[in-house]
ModelCIF file with pLDDT and N, C-alpha, C, O atoms, coordinates in Angstrom:
data_MODEL
#
_entry.id   MODEL 
#
_entity.id                         1 
_entity.type                       polymer 
_entity.pdbx_number_of_molecules   1 
#
_entity_poly.entity_id                      1 
_entity_poly.type                           'polypeptide(L)' 
_entity_poly.nstd_linkage                   no 
_entity_poly.nstd_monomer                   no 
_entity_poly.pdbx_seq_one_letter_code       YAKGKLGKLDYRIAVSDPMAFQRAAGYSPSP 
_entity_poly.pdbx_seq_one_letter_code_can   YAKGKLGKLDYRIAVSDPMAFQRAAGYSPSP 
_entity_poly.pdbx_strand_id                 A 
#
loop_
_entity_poly_seq.entity_id 
_entity_poly_seq.num 
_entity_poly_seq.mon_id 
_entity_poly_seq.hetero 
1 1  TYR n 
1 2  ALA n 
1 3  LYS n 
1 4  GLY n 
1 5  LYS n 
1 6  LEU n 
1 7  GLY n 
1 8  LYS n 
1 9  LEU n 
1 10 ASP n 
1 11 TYR n 
1 12 ARG n 
1 13 ILE n 
1 14 ALA n 
1 15 VAL n 
1 16 SER n 
1 17 ASP n 
1 18 PRO n 
1 19 MET n 
1 20 ALA n 
1 21 PHE n 
1 22 GLN n 
1 23 ARG n 
1 24 ALA n 
1 25 ALA n 
1 26 GLY n 
1 27 TYR n 
1 28 SER n 
1 29 PRO n 
1 30 SER n 
1 31 PRO n 
#
_struct_asym.id          A 
_struct_asym.entity_id   1 
#
loop_
_ma_qa_metric.id 
_ma_qa_metric.mode 
_ma_qa_metric.name 
_ma_qa_metric.software_group_id 
_ma_qa_metric.type 
1 global pLDDT . pLDDT 
2 local  pLDDT . pLDDT 
#
_ma_qa_metric_global.metric_id      1 
_ma_qa_metric_global.metric_value   95.74 
_ma_qa_metric_global.model_id       1 
_ma_qa_metric_global.ordinal_id     1 
#
loop_
_ma_qa_metric_local.label_asym_id 
_ma_qa_metric_local.label_comp_id 
_ma_qa_metric_local.label_seq_id 
_ma_qa_metric_local.metric_id 
_ma_qa_metric_local.metric_value 
_ma_qa_metric_local.model_id 
_ma_qa_metric_local.ordinal_id 
A TYR 1  2 98.00 1 1  
A ALA 2  2 98.00 1 2  
A LYS 3  2 98.00 1 3  
A GLY 4  2 98.00 1 4  
A LYS 5  2 98.00 1 5  
A LEU 6  2 98.00 1 6  
A GLY 7  2 97.00 1 7  
A LYS 8  2 98.00 1 8  
A LEU 9  2 98.00 1 9  
A ASP 10 2 98.00 1 10 
A TYR 11 2 98.00 1 11 
A ARG 12 2 98.00 1 12 
A ILE 13 2 98.00 1 13 
A ALA 14 2 98.00 1 14 
A VAL 15 2 98.00 1 15 
A SER 16 2 98.00 1 16 
A ASP 17 2 97.00 1 17 
A PRO 18 2 97.00 1 18 
A MET 19 2 97.00 1 19 
A ALA 20 2 96.00 1 20 
A PHE 21 2 96.00 1 21 
A GLN 22 2 96.00 1 22 
A ARG 23 2 94.00 1 23 
A ALA 24 2 94.00 1 24 
A ALA 25 2 86.00 1 25 
A GLY 26 2 84.00 1 26 
A TYR 27 2 92.00 1 27 
A SER 28 2 90.00 1 28 
A PRO 29 2 92.00 1 29 
A SER 30 2 94.00 1 30 
A PRO 31 2 96.00 1 31 
#
loop_
_atom_site.group_PDB 
_atom_site.id 
_atom_site.type_symbol 
_atom_site.label_atom_id 
_atom_site.label_alt_id 
_atom_site.label_comp_id 
_atom_site.label_asym_id 
_atom_site.label_entity_id 
_atom_site.label_seq_id 
_atom_site.pdbx_PDB_ins_code 
_atom_site.Cartn_x 
_atom_site.Cartn_y 
_atom_site.Cartn_z 
_atom_site.occupancy 
_atom_site.B_iso_or_equiv 
_atom_site.pdbx_formal_charge 
_atom_site.auth_seq_id 
_atom_site.auth_comp_id 
_atom_site.auth_asym_id 
_atom_site.auth_atom_id 
_atom_site.pdbx_PDB_model_num 
ATOM 1   N N  . TYR A 1 1  ? 0.794   -1.485  0.085   1.00 98.00 ? 1  TYR A N  1 
ATOM 2   C CA . TYR A 1 1  ? -0.038  0.255   0.377   1.00 98.00 ? 1  TYR A CA 1 
ATOM 3   C C  . TYR A 1 1  ? 0.349   1.320   0.426   1.00 98.00 ? 1  TYR A C  1 
ATOM 4   O O  . TYR A 1 1  ? 1.098   1.542   1.377   1.00 98.00 ? 1  TYR A O  1 
ATOM 5   N N  . ALA A 1 2  ? 0.081   2.404   -0.459  1.00 98.00 ? 2  ALA A N  1 
ATOM 6   C CA . ALA A 1 2  ? 0.910   3.707   -0.294  1.00 98.00 ? 2  ALA A CA 1 
ATOM 7   C C  . ALA A 1 2  ? -0.080  4.616   0.647   1.00 98.00 ? 2  ALA A C  1 
ATOM 8   O O  . ALA A 1 2  ? -1.059  3.979   1.036   1.00 98.00 ? 2  ALA A O  1 
ATOM 9   N N  . LYS A 1 3  ? -0.030  5.724   1.007   1.00 98.00 ? 3  LYS A N  1 
ATOM 10  C CA . LYS A 1 3  ? -0.352  5.915   1.824   1.00 98.00 ? 3  LYS A CA 1 
ATOM 11  C C  . LYS A 1 3  ? 0.141   7.458   2.093   1.00 98.00 ? 3  LYS A C  1 
ATOM 12  O O  . LYS A 1 3  ? 1.347   7.705   2.061   1.00 98.00 ? 3  LYS A O  1 
ATOM 13  N N  . GLY A 1 4  ? -0.715  8.379   2.331   1.00 98.00 ? 4  GLY A N  1 
ATOM 14  C CA . GLY A 1 4  ? -0.175  9.891   2.892   1.00 98.00 ? 4  GLY A CA 1 
ATOM 15  C C  . GLY A 1 4  ? -1.067  10.846  2.655   1.00 98.00 ? 4  GLY A C  1 
ATOM 16  O O  . GLY A 1 4  ? -2.168  10.512  2.217   1.00 98.00 ? 4  GLY A O  1 
ATOM 17  N N  . LYS A 1 5  ? -0.729  12.415  2.932   1.00 98.00 ? 5  LYS A N  1 
ATOM 18  C CA . LYS A 1 5  ? -1.298  13.536  2.789   1.00 98.00 ? 5  LYS A CA 1 
ATOM 19  C C  . LYS A 1 5  ? -0.864  14.423  1.953   1.00 98.00 ? 5  LYS A C  1 
ATOM 20  O O  . LYS A 1 5  ? 0.220   14.993  1.835   1.00 98.00 ? 5  LYS A O  1 
ATOM 21  N N  . LEU A 1 6  ? -1.990  14.479  1.300   1.00 98.00 ? 6  LEU A N  1 
ATOM 22  C CA . LEU A 1 6  ? -1.476  16.429  0.089   1.00 98.00 ? 6  LEU A CA 1 
ATOM 23  C C  . LEU A 1 6  ? -2.262  17.081  0.287   1.00 98.00 ? 6  LEU A C  1 
ATOM 24  O O  . LEU A 1 6  ? -3.408  16.988  -0.152  1.00 98.00 ? 6  LEU A O  1 
ATOM 25  N N  . GLY A 1 7  ? -1.510  18.502  1.526   1.00 97.00 ? 7  GLY A N  1 
ATOM 26  C CA . GLY A 1 7  ? -2.840  19.390  1.714   1.00 97.00 ? 7  GLY A CA 1 
ATOM 27  C C  . GLY A 1 7  ? -3.836  18.787  2.503   1.00 97.00 ? 7  GLY A C  1 
ATOM 28  O O  . GLY A 1 7  ? -3.731  19.148  3.675   1.00 97.00 ? 7  GLY A O  1 
ATOM 29  N N  . LYS A 1 8  ? -4.759  18.006  2.305   1.00 98.00 ? 8  LYS A N  1 
ATOM 30  C CA . LYS A 1 8  ? -5.907  18.566  3.098   1.00 98.00 ? 8  LYS A CA 1 
ATOM 31  C C  . LYS A 1 8  ? -6.602  16.753  2.045   1.00 98.00 ? 8  LYS A C  1 
ATOM 32  O O  . LYS A 1 8  ? -7.511  16.014  2.421   1.00 98.00 ? 8  LYS A O  1 
ATOM 33  N N  . LEU A 1 9  ? -5.911  16.636  1.031   1.00 98.00 ? 9  LEU A N  1 
ATOM 34  C CA . LEU A 1 9  ? -6.272  15.301  0.513   1.00 98.00 ? 9  LEU A CA 1 
ATOM 35  C C  . LEU A 1 9  ? -5.847  14.282  1.027   1.00 98.00 ? 9  LEU A C  1 
ATOM 36  O O  . LEU A 1 9  ? -4.699  14.011  0.675   1.00 98.00 ? 9  LEU A O  1 
ATOM 37  N N  . ASP A 1 10 ? -6.505  13.297  2.028   1.00 98.00 ? 10 ASP A N  1 
ATOM 38  C CA . ASP A 1 10 ? -5.823  11.813  2.513   1.00 98.00 ? 10 ASP A CA 1 
ATOM 39  C C  . ASP A 1 10 ? -6.017  11.002  1.147   1.00 98.00 ? 10 ASP A C  1 
ATOM 40  O O  . ASP A 1 10 ? -6.841  11.377  0.313   1.00 98.00 ? 10 ASP A O  1 
ATOM 41  N N  . TYR A 1 11 ? -5.155  9.784   0.948   1.00 98.00 ? 11 TYR A N  1 
ATOM 42  C CA . TYR A 1 11 ? -5.187  9.221   -0.120  1.00 98.00 ? 11 TYR A CA 1 
ATOM 43  C C  . TYR A 1 11 ? -4.577  7.647   0.470   1.00 98.00 ? 11 TYR A C  1 
ATOM 44  O O  . TYR A 1 11 ? -3.533  7.635   1.123   1.00 98.00 ? 11 TYR A O  1 
ATOM 45  N N  . ARG A 1 12 ? -5.231  6.519   0.212   1.00 98.00 ? 12 ARG A N  1 
ATOM 46  C CA . ARG A 1 12 ? -4.484  5.197   0.348   1.00 98.00 ? 12 ARG A CA 1 
ATOM 47  C C  . ARG A 1 12 ? -5.047  4.448   -0.734  1.00 98.00 ? 12 ARG A C  1 
ATOM 48  O O  . ARG A 1 12 ? -6.155  4.540   -1.262  1.00 98.00 ? 12 ARG A O  1 
ATOM 49  N N  . ILE A 1 13 ? -3.969  3.603   -0.993  1.00 98.00 ? 13 ILE A N  1 
ATOM 50  C CA . ILE A 1 13 ? -3.999  3.237   -2.593  1.00 98.00 ? 13 ILE A CA 1 
ATOM 51  C C  . ILE A 1 13 ? -3.123  1.642   -2.183  1.00 98.00 ? 13 ILE A C  1 
ATOM 52  O O  . ILE A 1 13 ? -1.949  1.594   -1.814  1.00 98.00 ? 13 ILE A O  1 
ATOM 53  N N  . ALA A 1 14 ? -4.053  0.423   -2.366  1.00 98.00 ? 14 ALA A N  1 
ATOM 54  C CA . ALA A 1 14 ? -3.345  -0.306  -2.164  1.00 98.00 ? 14 ALA A CA 1 
ATOM 55  C C  . ALA A 1 14 ? -3.491  -1.961  -3.499  1.00 98.00 ? 14 ALA A C  1 
ATOM 56  O O  . ALA A 1 14 ? -4.269  -1.900  -4.451  1.00 98.00 ? 14 ALA A O  1 
ATOM 57  N N  . VAL A 1 15 ? -2.829  -2.902  -3.307  1.00 98.00 ? 15 VAL A N  1 
ATOM 58  C CA . VAL A 1 15 ? -2.692  -3.555  -4.737  1.00 98.00 ? 15 VAL A CA 1 
ATOM 59  C C  . VAL A 1 15 ? -2.559  -5.248  -3.396  1.00 98.00 ? 15 VAL A C  1 
ATOM 60  O O  . VAL A 1 15 ? -1.649  -5.632  -2.662  1.00 98.00 ? 15 VAL A O  1 
ATOM 61  N N  . SER A 1 16 ? -4.158  -5.856  -3.720  1.00 98.00 ? 16 SER A N  1 
ATOM 62  C CA . SER A 1 16 ? -3.393  -7.029  -2.477  1.00 98.00 ? 16 SER A CA 1 
ATOM 63  C C  . SER A 1 16 ? -3.792  -8.433  -3.302  1.00 98.00 ? 16 SER A C  1 
ATOM 64  O O  . SER A 1 16 ? -4.678  -8.272  -4.141  1.00 98.00 ? 16 SER A O  1 
ATOM 65  N N  . ASP A 1 17 ? -3.396  -9.428  -3.206  1.00 97.00 ? 17 ASP A N  1 
ATOM 66  C CA . ASP A 1 17 ? -3.179  -10.621 -2.899  1.00 97.00 ? 17 ASP A CA 1 
ATOM 67  C C  . ASP A 1 17 ? -4.459  -11.774 -2.506  1.00 97.00 ? 17 ASP A C  1 
ATOM 68  O O  . ASP A 1 17 ? -4.482  -12.201 -1.352  1.00 97.00 ? 17 ASP A O  1 
ATOM 69  N N  . PRO A 1 18 ? -5.628  -12.307 -3.616  1.00 97.00 ? 18 PRO A N  1 
ATOM 70  C CA . PRO A 1 18 ? -6.650  -12.576 -2.457  1.00 97.00 ? 18 PRO A CA 1 
ATOM 71  C C  . PRO A 1 18 ? -6.680  -13.803 -1.623  1.00 97.00 ? 18 PRO A C  1 
ATOM 72  O O  . PRO A 1 18 ? -6.082  -14.613 -2.331  1.00 97.00 ? 18 PRO A O  1 
ATOM 73  N N  . MET A 1 19 ? -6.889  -14.172 -0.963  1.00 97.00 ? 19 MET A N  1 
ATOM 74  C CA . MET A 1 19 ? -6.718  -15.707 0.083   1.00 97.00 ? 19 MET A CA 1 
ATOM 75  C C  . MET A 1 19 ? -7.798  -16.371 -0.987  1.00 97.00 ? 19 MET A C  1 
ATOM 76  O O  . MET A 1 19 ? -8.781  -15.791 -1.448  1.00 97.00 ? 19 MET A O  1 
ATOM 77  N N  . ALA A 1 20 ? -7.284  -18.018 -1.329  1.00 96.00 ? 20 ALA A N  1 
ATOM 78  C CA . ALA A 1 20 ? -7.946  -18.846 -1.374  1.00 96.00 ? 20 ALA A CA 1 
ATOM 79  C C  . ALA A 1 20 ? -9.766  -18.675 -1.162  1.00 96.00 ? 20 ALA A C  1 
ATOM 80  O O  . ALA A 1 20 ? -10.328 -18.383 -0.107  1.00 96.00 ? 20 ALA A O  1 
ATOM 81  N N  . PHE A 1 21 ? -10.300 -18.903 -2.248  1.00 96.00 ? 21 PHE A N  1 
ATOM 82  C CA . PHE A 1 21 ? -11.813 -19.258 -1.719  1.00 96.00 ? 21 PHE A CA 1 
ATOM 83  C C  . PHE A 1 21 ? -11.831 -20.568 -1.257  1.00 96.00 ? 21 PHE A C  1 
ATOM 84  O O  . PHE A 1 21 ? -12.786 -20.990 -0.604  1.00 96.00 ? 21 PHE A O  1 
ATOM 85  N N  . GLN A 1 22 ? -10.675 -21.387 -1.589  1.00 96.00 ? 22 GLN A N  1 
ATOM 86  C CA . GLN A 1 22 ? -11.246 -22.329 -1.142  1.00 96.00 ? 22 GLN A CA 1 
ATOM 87  C C  . GLN A 1 22 ? -11.113 -22.269 0.035   1.00 96.00 ? 22 GLN A C  1 
ATOM 88  O O  . GLN A 1 22 ? -11.548 -23.297 0.554   1.00 96.00 ? 22 GLN A O  1 
ATOM 89  N N  . ARG A 1 23 ? -10.808 -21.724 0.588   1.00 94.00 ? 23 ARG A N  1 
ATOM 90  C CA . ARG A 1 23 ? -10.469 -21.829 2.602   1.00 94.00 ? 23 ARG A CA 1 
ATOM 91  C C  . ARG A 1 23 ? -11.389 -21.182 2.907   1.00 94.00 ? 23 ARG A C  1 
ATOM 92  O O  . ARG A 1 23 ? -11.633 -21.410 4.091   1.00 94.00 ? 23 ARG A O  1 
ATOM 93  N N  . ALA A 1 24 ? -12.318 -20.211 2.340   1.00 94.00 ? 24 ALA A N  1 
ATOM 94  C CA . ALA A 1 24 ? -13.794 -19.443 2.948   1.00 94.00 ? 24 ALA A CA 1 
ATOM 95  C C  . ALA A 1 24 ? -14.830 -20.684 3.353   1.00 94.00 ? 24 ALA A C  1 
ATOM 96  O O  . ALA A 1 24 ? -14.663 -21.854 3.011   1.00 94.00 ? 24 ALA A O  1 
ATOM 97  N N  . ALA A 1 25 ? -15.799 -20.242 4.057   1.00 86.00 ? 25 ALA A N  1 
ATOM 98  C CA . ALA A 1 25 ? -16.192 -21.377 4.710   1.00 86.00 ? 25 ALA A CA 1 
ATOM 99  C C  . ALA A 1 25 ? -17.814 -21.049 4.008   1.00 86.00 ? 25 ALA A C  1 
ATOM 100 O O  . ALA A 1 25 ? -18.673 -21.371 4.828   1.00 86.00 ? 25 ALA A O  1 
ATOM 101 N N  . GLY A 1 26 ? -18.427 -20.485 2.684   1.00 84.00 ? 26 GLY A N  1 
ATOM 102 C CA . GLY A 1 26 ? -19.273 -20.613 1.916   1.00 84.00 ? 26 GLY A CA 1 
ATOM 103 C C  . GLY A 1 26 ? -18.709 -21.267 0.800   1.00 84.00 ? 26 GLY A C  1 
ATOM 104 O O  . GLY A 1 26 ? -19.501 -21.235 -0.141  1.00 84.00 ? 26 GLY A O  1 
ATOM 105 N N  . TYR A 1 27 ? -17.299 -22.046 0.437   1.00 92.00 ? 27 TYR A N  1 
ATOM 106 C CA . TYR A 1 27 ? -16.717 -22.778 -0.528  1.00 92.00 ? 27 TYR A CA 1 
ATOM 107 C C  . TYR A 1 27 ? -17.696 -23.147 -1.661  1.00 92.00 ? 27 TYR A C  1 
ATOM 108 O O  . TYR A 1 27 ? -18.672 -23.751 -1.217  1.00 92.00 ? 27 TYR A O  1 
ATOM 109 N N  . SER A 1 28 ? -17.717 -22.974 -2.893  1.00 90.00 ? 28 SER A N  1 
ATOM 110 C CA . SER A 1 28 ? -18.671 -24.233 -3.710  1.00 90.00 ? 28 SER A CA 1 
ATOM 111 C C  . SER A 1 28 ? -17.929 -23.635 -4.914  1.00 90.00 ? 28 SER A C  1 
ATOM 112 O O  . SER A 1 28 ? -17.819 -22.507 -5.395  1.00 90.00 ? 28 SER A O  1 
ATOM 113 N N  . PRO A 1 29 ? -17.276 -25.360 -5.313  1.00 92.00 ? 29 PRO A N  1 
ATOM 114 C CA . PRO A 1 29 ? -16.081 -25.826 -6.256  1.00 92.00 ? 29 PRO A CA 1 
ATOM 115 C C  . PRO A 1 29 ? -16.542 -25.589 -8.003  1.00 92.00 ? 29 PRO A C  1 
ATOM 116 O O  . PRO A 1 29 ? -15.636 -25.902 -8.776  1.00 92.00 ? 29 PRO A O  1 
ATOM 117 N N  . SER A 1 30 ? -17.543 -25.192 -8.512  1.00 94.00 ? 30 SER A N  1 
ATOM 118 C CA . SER A 1 30 ? -18.158 -25.073 -9.528  1.00 94.00 ? 30 SER A CA 1 
ATOM 119 C C  . SER A 1 30 ? -19.100 -24.389 -9.475  1.00 94.00 ? 30 SER A C  1 
ATOM 120 O O  . SER A 1 30 ? -19.894 -24.504 -8.541  1.00 94.00 ? 30 SER A O  1 
ATOM 121 N N  . PRO A 1 31 ? -19.359 -23.040 -10.958 1.00 96.00 ? 31 PRO A N  1 
ATOM 122 C CA . PRO A 1 31 ? -20.400 -22.280 -11.324 1.00 96.00 ? 31 PRO A CA 1 
ATOM 123 C C  . PRO A 1 31 ? -21.613 -22.438 -11.220 1.00 96.00 ? 31 PRO A C  1 
ATOM 124 O O  . PRO A 1 31 ? -22.386 -21.577 -11.642 1.00 96.00 ? 31 PRO A O  1 
#
C-alpha cells in the first residue's frame, strides 16, 4: 500500500493478493 496527505487530501492505494476462496466457509467448487 501507499498512503499520505497532499494538503487536505488524504489518500490510500493498495494492491492485494486475494486469499484462496477454497479456504472460505461458503466455498463452492463449481459455477
